[in-house]
């Protein structure tokens, strides 16, 4: 599953003033046996997550790839839907 992670970044405008900007990072997810794998644009494995971290600190199970990617986006401060 291909998806984009959009993160807010600090940058400088043409006059050297600090501004906020969004960076779009293309990623690919695989989901097998309950484990989430995330790959970057160079097809390098950057995340191997075998469980769903729950809010209360316990370990849960991802329902499917959409659930796993939604967790990853939330955990990485995704900007957008």
C-alpha atoms as a PDB file:
ATOM      1  CA  UNK A   1       0.000   0.000   0.000  1.00  0.00           C
ATOM      2  CA  UNK A   2       1.513   3.317  -1.053  1.00  0.00           C
ATOM      3  CA  UNK A   3       0.745   6.381   1.058  1.00  0.00           C
ATOM      4  CA  UNK A   4       2.121   9.821   1.865  1.00  0.00           C
ATOM      5  CA  UNK A   5       3.154  11.114   5.261  1.00  0.00           C
ATOM      6  CA  UNK A   6       2.776  14.882   5.456  1.00  0.00           C
ATOM      7  CA  UNK A   7       4.788  16.510   8.216  1.00  0.00           C
ATOM      8  CA  UNK A   8       5.031  20.132   9.285  1.00  0.00           C
ATOM      9  CA  UNK A   9       8.615  21.367   9.088  1.00  0.00           C
ATOM     10  CA  UNK A  10      10.439  24.506  10.185  1.00  0.00           C
ATOM     11  CA  UNK A  11      12.054  26.411   7.308  1.00  0.00           C
ATOM     12  CA  UNK A  12      13.241  29.875   6.360  1.00  0.00           C
ATOM     13  CA  UNK A  13      11.542  32.093   3.784  1.00  0.00           C
ATOM     14  CA  UNK A  14      13.417  34.148   1.161  1.00  0.00           C
ATOM     15  CA  UNK A  15      14.048  36.879   3.736  1.00  0.00           C
ATOM     16  CA  UNK A  16      15.433  34.459   6.317  1.00  0.00           C
ATOM     17  CA  UNK A  17      12.332  34.500   8.510  1.00  0.00           C
ATOM     18  CA  UNK A  18      11.227  31.265  10.169  1.00  0.00           C
ATOM     19  CA  UNK A  19       8.099  29.730   8.616  1.00  0.00           C
ATOM     20  CA  UNK A  20       6.194  26.460   8.818  1.00  0.00           C
ATOM     21  CA  UNK A  21       5.977  24.335   5.701  1.00  0.00           C
ATOM     22  CA  UNK A  22       4.673  20.850   4.895  1.00  0.00           C
ATOM     23  CA  UNK A  23       6.901  18.092   3.555  1.00  0.00           C
ATOM     24  CA  UNK A  24       5.302  15.148   1.758  1.00  0.00           C
ATOM     25  CA  UNK A  25       7.140  11.869   2.267  1.00  0.00           C
ATOM     26  CA  UNK A  26       6.161   8.974  -0.036  1.00  0.00           C
ATOM     27  CA  UNK A  27       6.099   5.625   1.765  1.00  0.00           C
ATOM     28  CA  UNK A  28       4.996   2.025   1.186  1.00  0.00           C
ATOM     29  CA  UNK A  29       3.410  -0.258   3.761  1.00  0.00           C
ATOM     30  CA  UNK A  30       3.200  -4.036   3.940  1.00  0.00           C
ATOM     31  CA  UNK A  31       1.156  -5.945   6.498  1.00  0.00           C
ATOM     32  CA  UNK A  32       1.698  -9.635   7.107  1.00  0.00           C
ATOM     33  CA  UNK A  33       0.942 -11.763  10.133  1.00  0.00           C
ATOM     34  CA  UNK A  34      -0.097  -8.700  12.133  1.00  0.00           C
ATOM     35  CA  UNK A  35       3.245  -6.942  11.574  1.00  0.00           C
ATOM     36  CA  UNK A  36       3.503  -3.540   9.896  1.00  0.00           C
ATOM     37  CA  UNK A  37       6.490  -2.851   7.653  1.00  0.00           C
ATOM     38  CA  UNK A  38       7.123   0.657   6.288  1.00  0.00           C
ATOM     39  CA  UNK A  39       9.538   1.300   3.420  1.00  0.00           C
ATOM     40  CA  UNK A  40      10.894   4.644   2.210  1.00  0.00           C
ATOM     41  CA  UNK A  41      11.171   5.814  -1.422  1.00  0.00           C
ATOM     42  CA  UNK A  42      14.462   3.900  -1.763  1.00  0.00           C
ATOM     43  CA  UNK A  43      12.650   0.700  -0.729  1.00  0.00           C
ATOM     44  CA  UNK A  44      14.575   0.585   2.550  1.00  0.00           C
ATOM     45  CA  UNK A  45      12.763  -0.857   5.569  1.00  0.00           C
ATOM     46  CA  UNK A  46      12.380   1.978   8.085  1.00  0.00           C
ATOM     47  CA  UNK A  47       9.736   0.550  10.457  1.00  0.00           C
ATOM     48  CA  UNK A  48       9.041  -2.975  11.666  1.00  0.00           C
ATOM     49  CA  UNK A  49       6.123  -2.829  14.136  1.00  0.00           C
ATOM     50  CA  UNK A  50       4.805  -6.215  15.353  1.00  0.00           C
ATOM     51  CA  UNK A  51       2.056  -4.834  17.630  1.00  0.00           C
ATOM     52  CA  UNK A  52      -0.239  -1.854  18.010  1.00  0.00           C
ATOM     53  CA  UNK A  53       0.848   0.402  20.873  1.00  0.00           C
ATOM     54  CA  UNK A  54      -2.310   1.194  22.827  1.00  0.00           C
ATOM     55  CA  UNK A  55      -2.954   4.513  24.594  1.00  0.00           C
ATOM     56  CA  UNK A  56      -2.780   2.841  28.021  1.00  0.00           C
ATOM     57  CA  UNK A  57       0.695   1.443  27.280  1.00  0.00           C
ATOM     58  CA  UNK A  58      -0.405  -2.098  26.523  1.00  0.00           C
ATOM     59  CA  UNK A  59       0.172  -3.955  23.261  1.00  0.00           C
ATOM     60  CA  UNK A  60      -2.756  -4.539  20.950  1.00  0.00           C
ATOM     61  CA  UNK A  61      -3.277  -6.023  17.520  1.00  0.00           C
ATOM     62  CA  UNK A  62      -3.693  -4.097  14.276  1.00  0.00           C
ATOM     63  CA  UNK A  63      -7.031  -4.904  12.613  1.00  0.00           C
ATOM     64  CA  UNK A  64      -5.638  -4.555   9.070  1.00  0.00           C
ATOM     65  CA  UNK A  65      -3.215  -2.517   6.966  1.00  0.00           C
ATOM     66  CA  UNK A  66      -5.456   0.570   7.083  1.00  0.00           C
ATOM     67  CA  UNK A  67      -5.475   0.471  10.890  1.00  0.00           C
ATOM     68  CA  UNK A  68      -1.686   0.021  10.973  1.00  0.00           C
ATOM     69  CA  UNK A  69      -1.026   2.907   8.552  1.00  0.00           C
ATOM     70  CA  UNK A  70      -3.451   5.138  10.483  1.00  0.00           C
ATOM     71  CA  UNK A  71      -1.478   4.401  13.682  1.00  0.00           C
ATOM     72  CA  UNK A  72       1.810   5.203  11.897  1.00  0.00           C
ATOM     73  CA  UNK A  73       0.473   8.497  10.564  1.00  0.00           C
ATOM     74  CA  UNK A  74      -0.834   9.536  13.990  1.00  0.00           C
ATOM     75  CA  UNK A  75       2.402   8.510  15.704  1.00  0.00           C
ATOM     76  CA  UNK A  76       4.403  10.602  13.204  1.00  0.00           C
ATOM     77  CA  UNK A  77       2.302  13.785  13.403  1.00  0.00           C
ATOM     78  CA  UNK A  78       0.703  13.457   9.971  1.00  0.00           C
ATOM     79  CA  UNK A  79      -0.892  16.704   8.796  1.00  0.00           C
ATOM     80  CA  UNK A  80      -4.126  16.007   6.971  1.00  0.00           C
ATOM     81  CA  UNK A  81      -6.677  13.251   6.548  1.00  0.00           C
END
